[in-house]
N, C-alpha and C. Protein backbone atom coordinates (compact mmCIF):
# COMPACT_ATOMS: atom_id res chain seq x y z
N UNK A 1 40.16 35.62 15.83
CA UNK A 1 39.98 34.51 16.74
C UNK A 1 38.50 34.35 17.09
N UNK A 2 37.82 35.50 17.35
CA UNK A 2 36.41 35.39 17.69
C UNK A 2 35.60 34.87 16.52
N UNK A 3 36.03 35.20 15.30
CA UNK A 3 35.35 34.70 14.10
C UNK A 3 35.40 33.18 14.02
N UNK A 4 36.52 32.58 14.40
CA UNK A 4 36.67 31.13 14.38
C UNK A 4 35.76 30.50 15.42
N UNK A 5 35.71 31.07 16.62
CA UNK A 5 34.85 30.55 17.69
C UNK A 5 33.38 30.67 17.29
N UNK A 6 33.03 31.84 16.73
CA UNK A 6 31.65 32.07 16.32
C UNK A 6 31.24 31.09 15.22
N UNK A 7 32.10 30.87 14.21
CA UNK A 7 31.75 29.96 13.12
C UNK A 7 31.67 28.52 13.62
N UNK A 8 32.50 28.15 14.58
CA UNK A 8 32.44 26.79 15.15
C UNK A 8 31.14 26.62 15.93
N UNK A 9 30.75 27.63 16.69
CA UNK A 9 29.50 27.56 17.46
C UNK A 9 28.30 27.50 16.52
N UNK A 10 28.33 28.27 15.44
CA UNK A 10 27.24 28.26 14.46
C UNK A 10 27.13 26.88 13.79
N UNK A 11 28.26 26.31 13.42
CA UNK A 11 28.25 24.99 12.77
C UNK A 11 27.69 23.94 13.71
N UNK A 12 28.05 24.02 15.00
CA UNK A 12 27.56 23.07 15.99
C UNK A 12 26.05 23.24 16.17
N UNK A 13 25.56 24.48 16.25
CA UNK A 13 24.13 24.74 16.41
C UNK A 13 23.35 24.30 15.18
N UNK A 14 23.88 24.56 13.99
CA UNK A 14 23.20 24.18 12.76
C UNK A 14 23.10 22.67 12.65
N UNK A 15 24.16 21.98 13.05
CA UNK A 15 24.12 20.52 12.95
C UNK A 15 23.11 19.95 13.94
N UNK A 16 22.91 20.58 15.07
CA UNK A 16 21.92 20.11 16.04
C UNK A 16 20.51 20.36 15.54
N UNK A 17 20.27 21.52 14.91
CA UNK A 17 18.94 21.86 14.45
C UNK A 17 18.46 20.95 13.33
N UNK A 18 19.38 20.46 12.52
CA UNK A 18 19.00 19.64 11.38
C UNK A 18 19.50 18.22 11.53
N UNK A 19 19.51 17.74 12.74
CA UNK A 19 19.99 16.40 13.04
C UNK A 19 19.04 15.36 12.48
N UNK A 20 19.57 14.23 12.09
CA UNK A 20 18.74 13.13 11.60
C UNK A 20 18.46 12.12 12.70
N UNK A 21 18.91 12.40 13.92
CA UNK A 21 18.65 11.48 15.01
C UNK A 21 17.16 11.46 15.33
N UNK A 22 16.72 10.34 15.81
CA UNK A 22 15.29 10.16 16.09
C UNK A 22 14.92 10.80 17.42
N UNK A 23 13.98 11.74 17.36
CA UNK A 23 13.46 12.38 18.57
C UNK A 23 11.96 12.48 18.43
N UNK A 24 11.22 11.96 19.38
CA UNK A 24 9.77 11.98 19.33
C UNK A 24 9.22 13.40 19.33
N UNK A 25 9.88 14.32 20.00
CA UNK A 25 9.38 15.69 20.09
C UNK A 25 9.35 16.37 18.73
N UNK A 26 10.14 15.90 17.78
CA UNK A 26 10.19 16.56 16.49
C UNK A 26 9.35 15.86 15.43
N UNK A 27 8.68 14.75 15.78
CA UNK A 27 7.84 14.07 14.80
C UNK A 27 6.62 14.93 14.51
N UNK A 28 6.19 14.93 13.26
CA UNK A 28 5.12 15.82 12.87
C UNK A 28 4.33 15.21 11.72
N UNK A 29 3.01 15.29 11.81
CA UNK A 29 2.13 14.90 10.71
C UNK A 29 1.12 16.04 10.57
N UNK A 30 1.30 16.87 9.56
CA UNK A 30 0.49 18.07 9.41
C UNK A 30 -0.04 18.16 7.99
N UNK A 31 -1.25 18.70 7.87
CA UNK A 31 -1.89 18.90 6.59
C UNK A 31 -2.26 20.36 6.47
N UNK A 32 -1.97 20.97 5.33
CA UNK A 32 -2.33 22.36 5.08
C UNK A 32 -3.39 22.37 3.98
N UNK A 33 -4.49 23.07 4.24
CA UNK A 33 -5.59 23.16 3.30
C UNK A 33 -5.91 24.61 3.00
N UNK A 34 -6.20 24.92 1.76
CA UNK A 34 -6.75 26.22 1.38
C UNK A 34 -8.01 25.90 0.59
N UNK A 35 -9.14 26.34 1.13
CA UNK A 35 -10.41 26.02 0.49
C UNK A 35 -11.53 26.83 1.09
N UNK A 36 -12.75 26.35 0.90
CA UNK A 36 -13.94 27.04 1.41
C UNK A 36 -14.64 26.19 2.45
N UNK A 37 -15.21 26.85 3.47
CA UNK A 37 -16.02 26.12 4.44
C UNK A 37 -17.26 25.59 3.74
N UNK A 38 -17.50 24.30 3.87
CA UNK A 38 -18.63 23.68 3.20
C UNK A 38 -19.94 23.89 3.92
N UNK A 39 -19.87 24.22 5.20
CA UNK A 39 -21.06 24.53 6.00
C UNK A 39 -20.59 25.27 7.25
N UNK A 40 -21.52 25.84 7.99
CA UNK A 40 -21.16 26.51 9.23
C UNK A 40 -20.59 25.48 10.21
N UNK A 41 -19.55 25.82 10.99
CA UNK A 41 -19.03 24.90 12.00
C UNK A 41 -20.13 24.52 13.00
N UNK A 42 -20.06 23.29 13.52
CA UNK A 42 -21.09 22.76 14.42
C UNK A 42 -20.47 22.26 15.72
N UNK A 43 -21.21 22.41 16.82
CA UNK A 43 -20.82 21.86 18.10
C UNK A 43 -21.34 20.43 18.18
N UNK A 44 -20.48 19.52 18.63
CA UNK A 44 -20.87 18.12 18.84
C UNK A 44 -20.29 17.67 20.16
N UNK A 45 -20.66 16.46 20.58
CA UNK A 45 -20.20 15.92 21.87
C UNK A 45 -19.69 14.51 21.69
N UNK A 46 -18.63 14.18 22.45
CA UNK A 46 -18.08 12.83 22.43
C UNK A 46 -18.96 11.93 23.30
N UNK A 47 -18.63 10.64 23.32
CA UNK A 47 -19.37 9.69 24.17
C UNK A 47 -19.25 10.06 25.64
N UNK A 48 -18.15 10.72 26.00
CA UNK A 48 -17.92 11.15 27.39
C UNK A 48 -18.43 12.55 27.65
N UNK A 49 -19.24 13.07 26.74
CA UNK A 49 -19.88 14.38 26.86
C UNK A 49 -18.89 15.55 26.80
N UNK A 50 -17.74 15.35 26.15
CA UNK A 50 -16.79 16.44 25.94
C UNK A 50 -17.20 17.18 24.66
N UNK A 51 -17.22 18.50 24.74
CA UNK A 51 -17.64 19.32 23.61
C UNK A 51 -16.49 19.49 22.61
N UNK A 52 -16.82 19.43 21.31
CA UNK A 52 -15.86 19.74 20.27
C UNK A 52 -16.60 20.38 19.11
N UNK A 53 -15.84 21.01 18.22
CA UNK A 53 -16.42 21.65 17.04
C UNK A 53 -15.90 20.92 15.81
N UNK A 54 -16.79 20.70 14.88
CA UNK A 54 -16.40 20.09 13.61
C UNK A 54 -16.74 21.05 12.48
N UNK A 55 -15.85 21.10 11.49
CA UNK A 55 -16.11 21.91 10.31
C UNK A 55 -15.55 21.20 9.10
N UNK A 56 -16.06 21.57 7.93
CA UNK A 56 -15.69 20.90 6.69
C UNK A 56 -15.09 21.93 5.73
N UNK A 57 -13.95 21.58 5.14
CA UNK A 57 -13.29 22.44 4.16
C UNK A 57 -13.30 21.71 2.81
N UNK A 58 -13.78 22.40 1.79
CA UNK A 58 -13.81 21.86 0.43
C UNK A 58 -12.60 22.39 -0.33
N UNK A 59 -11.87 21.49 -0.97
CA UNK A 59 -10.74 21.87 -1.81
C UNK A 59 -10.95 21.26 -3.20
N UNK A 60 -10.38 21.88 -4.20
CA UNK A 60 -10.44 21.36 -5.57
C UNK A 60 -9.03 21.14 -6.07
N UNK A 61 -8.85 20.05 -6.82
CA UNK A 61 -7.52 19.82 -7.38
C UNK A 61 -7.34 20.76 -8.57
N UNK A 62 -6.27 21.49 -8.54
CA UNK A 62 -5.99 22.43 -9.63
C UNK A 62 -4.52 22.31 -9.97
N UNK A 63 -4.12 22.27 -11.16
CA UNK A 63 -4.97 22.41 -12.34
C UNK A 63 -5.79 21.15 -12.56
N UNK A 64 -6.90 21.29 -13.28
CA UNK A 64 -7.73 20.13 -13.54
C UNK A 64 -7.00 19.11 -14.41
N UNK A 65 -7.51 17.90 -14.48
CA UNK A 65 -6.84 16.86 -15.28
C UNK A 65 -6.66 17.30 -16.73
N UNK A 66 -5.71 16.71 -17.45
CA UNK A 66 -5.46 17.10 -18.84
C UNK A 66 -6.65 16.75 -19.74
N UNK A 67 -6.73 17.39 -20.88
CA UNK A 67 -7.85 17.13 -21.81
C UNK A 67 -7.86 15.67 -22.28
N UNK A 68 -9.06 15.17 -22.55
CA UNK A 68 -9.19 13.81 -23.07
C UNK A 68 -8.94 13.80 -24.58
N UNK A 69 -9.22 12.67 -25.24
CA UNK A 69 -8.96 12.53 -26.68
C UNK A 69 -9.76 13.52 -27.52
N UNK A 70 -10.93 13.96 -27.02
CA UNK A 70 -11.77 14.92 -27.73
C UNK A 70 -11.34 16.36 -27.48
N UNK A 71 -10.33 16.55 -26.65
CA UNK A 71 -9.86 17.90 -26.33
C UNK A 71 -10.64 18.57 -25.22
N UNK A 72 -11.56 17.83 -24.58
CA UNK A 72 -12.35 18.41 -23.49
C UNK A 72 -11.68 18.12 -22.16
N UNK A 73 -11.67 19.11 -21.33
CA UNK A 73 -11.04 18.98 -20.02
C UNK A 73 -12.12 18.64 -18.99
N UNK A 74 -11.94 17.53 -18.26
CA UNK A 74 -12.93 17.21 -17.23
C UNK A 74 -12.88 18.24 -16.11
N UNK A 75 -13.98 18.43 -15.41
CA UNK A 75 -13.99 19.42 -14.33
C UNK A 75 -13.08 19.00 -13.18
N UNK A 76 -12.60 19.99 -12.44
CA UNK A 76 -11.78 19.72 -11.27
C UNK A 76 -12.63 18.96 -10.24
N UNK A 77 -12.02 18.05 -9.54
CA UNK A 77 -12.73 17.25 -8.53
C UNK A 77 -12.64 17.92 -7.17
N UNK A 78 -13.73 17.95 -6.44
CA UNK A 78 -13.76 18.55 -5.11
C UNK A 78 -13.56 17.48 -4.05
N UNK A 79 -12.70 17.77 -3.07
CA UNK A 79 -12.49 16.88 -1.92
C UNK A 79 -13.02 17.59 -0.69
N UNK A 80 -13.63 16.82 0.21
CA UNK A 80 -14.20 17.36 1.44
C UNK A 80 -13.39 16.85 2.61
N UNK A 81 -12.95 17.76 3.48
CA UNK A 81 -12.10 17.43 4.62
C UNK A 81 -12.82 17.82 5.92
N UNK A 82 -13.06 16.84 6.77
CA UNK A 82 -13.73 17.09 8.05
C UNK A 82 -12.67 17.27 9.12
N UNK A 83 -12.73 18.38 9.83
CA UNK A 83 -11.72 18.73 10.83
C UNK A 83 -12.39 18.85 12.19
N UNK A 84 -11.74 18.33 13.23
CA UNK A 84 -12.26 18.37 14.60
C UNK A 84 -11.41 19.30 15.43
N UNK A 85 -12.06 20.09 16.29
CA UNK A 85 -11.34 20.99 17.19
C UNK A 85 -11.81 20.75 18.62
N UNK A 86 -10.86 20.49 19.51
CA UNK A 86 -11.16 20.29 20.92
C UNK A 86 -10.66 21.45 21.78
N UNK A 87 -10.11 22.49 21.14
CA UNK A 87 -9.56 23.64 21.86
C UNK A 87 -10.67 24.65 22.14
N UNK A 88 -10.96 24.88 23.40
CA UNK A 88 -12.08 25.74 23.78
C UNK A 88 -11.97 27.15 23.20
N UNK A 89 -10.79 27.75 23.26
CA UNK A 89 -10.62 29.11 22.73
C UNK A 89 -10.83 29.14 21.22
N UNK A 90 -10.30 28.16 20.50
CA UNK A 90 -10.49 28.11 19.05
C UNK A 90 -11.95 27.86 18.69
N UNK A 91 -12.62 27.05 19.50
CA UNK A 91 -14.01 26.70 19.19
C UNK A 91 -14.91 27.92 19.18
N UNK A 92 -14.70 28.83 20.09
CA UNK A 92 -15.52 30.05 20.11
C UNK A 92 -15.36 30.82 18.82
N UNK A 93 -14.13 30.93 18.34
CA UNK A 93 -13.87 31.64 17.10
C UNK A 93 -14.44 30.87 15.91
N UNK A 94 -14.23 29.56 15.89
CA UNK A 94 -14.71 28.75 14.77
C UNK A 94 -16.22 28.89 14.58
N UNK A 95 -16.95 28.97 15.68
CA UNK A 95 -18.41 29.06 15.60
C UNK A 95 -18.87 30.38 15.00
N UNK A 96 -18.00 31.38 14.93
CA UNK A 96 -18.37 32.66 14.32
C UNK A 96 -18.19 32.65 12.80
N UNK A 97 -17.54 31.62 12.26
CA UNK A 97 -17.28 31.56 10.83
C UNK A 97 -18.51 31.08 10.08
N UNK A 98 -18.60 31.46 8.81
CA UNK A 98 -19.77 31.14 7.99
C UNK A 98 -19.41 30.29 6.78
N UNK A 99 -20.37 29.51 6.34
CA UNK A 99 -20.24 28.70 5.14
C UNK A 99 -19.81 29.59 3.97
N UNK A 100 -18.87 29.10 3.17
CA UNK A 100 -18.41 29.84 2.01
C UNK A 100 -17.16 30.65 2.26
N UNK A 101 -16.76 30.83 3.54
CA UNK A 101 -15.53 31.56 3.83
C UNK A 101 -14.34 30.82 3.23
N UNK A 102 -13.44 31.57 2.59
CA UNK A 102 -12.20 30.97 2.08
C UNK A 102 -11.22 30.97 3.23
N UNK A 103 -10.65 29.79 3.54
CA UNK A 103 -9.81 29.65 4.72
C UNK A 103 -8.50 28.95 4.41
N UNK A 104 -7.52 29.24 5.25
CA UNK A 104 -6.23 28.56 5.26
C UNK A 104 -6.20 27.80 6.57
N UNK A 105 -6.09 26.48 6.51
CA UNK A 105 -6.17 25.64 7.71
C UNK A 105 -4.92 24.80 7.85
N UNK A 106 -4.42 24.70 9.07
CA UNK A 106 -3.37 23.74 9.40
C UNK A 106 -3.95 22.77 10.39
N UNK A 107 -3.79 21.48 10.11
CA UNK A 107 -4.35 20.44 10.97
C UNK A 107 -3.35 19.30 11.12
N UNK A 108 -3.31 18.75 12.32
CA UNK A 108 -2.54 17.53 12.54
C UNK A 108 -3.42 16.38 12.09
N UNK A 109 -2.81 15.33 11.59
CA UNK A 109 -3.65 14.20 11.20
C UNK A 109 -3.13 12.90 11.79
N UNK A 110 -4.07 11.98 11.94
CA UNK A 110 -3.78 10.67 12.50
C UNK A 110 -4.46 9.63 11.62
N UNK A 111 -3.72 8.64 11.22
CA UNK A 111 -4.27 7.53 10.43
C UNK A 111 -4.63 6.40 11.38
N UNK A 112 -5.84 5.88 11.27
CA UNK A 112 -6.26 4.74 12.09
C UNK A 112 -6.60 3.59 11.16
N UNK A 113 -5.97 2.47 11.42
CA UNK A 113 -6.19 1.28 10.61
C UNK A 113 -7.51 0.62 11.02
N UNK A 114 -8.13 -0.16 10.12
CA UNK A 114 -9.39 -0.82 10.46
C UNK A 114 -9.21 -1.85 11.56
N UNK A 115 -10.26 -2.00 12.35
CA UNK A 115 -10.23 -3.04 13.39
C UNK A 115 -10.35 -4.39 12.69
N UNK A 116 -9.58 -5.38 13.14
CA UNK A 116 -9.51 -6.66 12.41
C UNK A 116 -10.86 -7.38 12.24
N UNK A 117 -11.71 -7.34 13.24
CA UNK A 117 -12.97 -8.10 13.18
C UNK A 117 -14.16 -7.25 12.76
N UNK A 118 -13.94 -5.99 12.38
CA UNK A 118 -15.05 -5.09 12.07
C UNK A 118 -15.55 -5.31 10.64
N UNK A 119 -16.83 -5.02 10.45
CA UNK A 119 -17.46 -5.11 9.15
C UNK A 119 -16.87 -4.03 8.24
N UNK A 120 -16.38 -4.38 7.04
CA UNK A 120 -15.77 -3.39 6.14
C UNK A 120 -16.71 -2.26 5.71
N UNK A 121 -18.02 -2.44 5.86
CA UNK A 121 -18.95 -1.39 5.46
C UNK A 121 -19.17 -0.36 6.58
N UNK A 122 -18.57 -0.57 7.75
CA UNK A 122 -18.69 0.37 8.86
C UNK A 122 -17.41 1.20 8.97
N UNK A 123 -17.48 2.35 9.63
CA UNK A 123 -16.25 3.15 9.80
C UNK A 123 -15.15 2.39 10.53
N UNK A 124 -15.49 1.53 11.48
CA UNK A 124 -14.47 0.77 12.22
C UNK A 124 -13.76 -0.23 11.33
N UNK A 125 -14.39 -0.62 10.23
CA UNK A 125 -13.80 -1.58 9.32
C UNK A 125 -13.04 -0.94 8.18
N UNK A 126 -12.88 0.37 8.21
CA UNK A 126 -12.19 1.09 7.15
C UNK A 126 -11.06 1.93 7.72
N UNK A 127 -10.06 2.22 6.89
CA UNK A 127 -8.99 3.12 7.31
C UNK A 127 -9.59 4.51 7.46
N UNK A 128 -9.24 5.19 8.55
CA UNK A 128 -9.78 6.51 8.82
C UNK A 128 -8.65 7.51 9.01
N UNK A 129 -8.90 8.72 8.53
CA UNK A 129 -7.96 9.82 8.74
C UNK A 129 -8.66 10.84 9.61
N UNK A 130 -8.08 11.14 10.77
CA UNK A 130 -8.64 12.14 11.67
C UNK A 130 -7.81 13.41 11.56
N UNK A 131 -8.47 14.52 11.26
CA UNK A 131 -7.81 15.82 11.17
C UNK A 131 -8.16 16.61 12.42
N UNK A 132 -7.13 16.99 13.17
CA UNK A 132 -7.32 17.76 14.40
C UNK A 132 -6.88 19.20 14.16
N UNK A 133 -7.80 20.13 14.37
CA UNK A 133 -7.57 21.56 14.14
C UNK A 133 -6.34 22.05 14.90
N UNK A 134 -5.51 22.78 14.18
CA UNK A 134 -4.37 23.45 14.82
C UNK A 134 -4.50 24.96 14.67
N UNK A 135 -4.75 25.44 13.45
CA UNK A 135 -4.94 26.88 13.25
C UNK A 135 -5.78 27.11 12.00
N UNK A 136 -6.41 28.28 11.97
CA UNK A 136 -7.22 28.65 10.82
C UNK A 136 -7.07 30.15 10.59
N UNK A 137 -7.05 30.54 9.33
CA UNK A 137 -6.98 31.96 8.97
C UNK A 137 -8.02 32.18 7.87
N UNK A 138 -8.88 33.17 8.07
CA UNK A 138 -9.88 33.49 7.06
C UNK A 138 -9.23 34.35 5.99
N UNK A 139 -9.27 33.89 4.75
CA UNK A 139 -8.68 34.62 3.64
C UNK A 139 -9.70 35.57 3.02
N UNK A 140 -10.96 35.16 3.00
CA UNK A 140 -12.03 36.05 2.53
C UNK A 140 -13.36 35.54 3.06
N UNK A 141 -14.26 36.48 3.29
CA UNK A 141 -15.59 36.14 3.79
C UNK A 141 -16.51 35.84 2.61
N UNK A 142 -17.57 35.06 2.87
CA UNK A 142 -18.49 34.77 1.77
C UNK A 142 -19.24 36.03 1.35
N UNK A 143 -19.66 36.04 0.11
CA UNK A 143 -20.45 37.17 -0.38
C UNK A 143 -21.80 37.13 0.32
N UNK A 144 -22.22 38.26 0.85
CA UNK A 144 -23.48 38.28 1.58
C UNK A 144 -24.63 38.34 0.59
N UNK A 145 -25.70 37.64 0.93
CA UNK A 145 -26.90 37.68 0.11
C UNK A 145 -27.96 38.42 0.91
N UNK A 146 -27.96 39.73 0.79
CA UNK A 146 -28.91 40.52 1.57
C UNK A 146 -30.20 40.73 0.78
N UNK A 147 -31.28 40.54 1.46
CA UNK A 147 -32.60 40.76 0.84
C UNK A 147 -33.16 42.04 1.37
N UNK A 148 -33.26 43.06 0.53
CA UNK A 148 -33.75 44.36 0.97
C UNK A 148 -35.20 44.52 0.58
């Protein structure tokens, strides 16, 4: 009898966890990156003088594109991702990281459409993707170049 009650409770809980009903609390837009820091993280300020840290992660598409008609494979293309962090505790840690570190990053992203009357050659006239830092894990540190 307890087995029937337990299985009914489990089925009810499982159906709630994987519900297709619309709930704002469960909406998610996340990007995962594994790459190298393109430069040391930097402190910047908003128009309202709020401090934030920005850092850049370089990723390469792998495997590279297929060989062309001559049998030569073009090089892998590098993409640069600019990430913003407004979390004070994370910012202190981010500033300790160095260019070249291999990192695993999770970031929330937001797509912003161009402003209707803006010049297309300006950022306001183009579609923008904002990456907001959520977490970072250093996978390896850069090789040190010590001069003795």
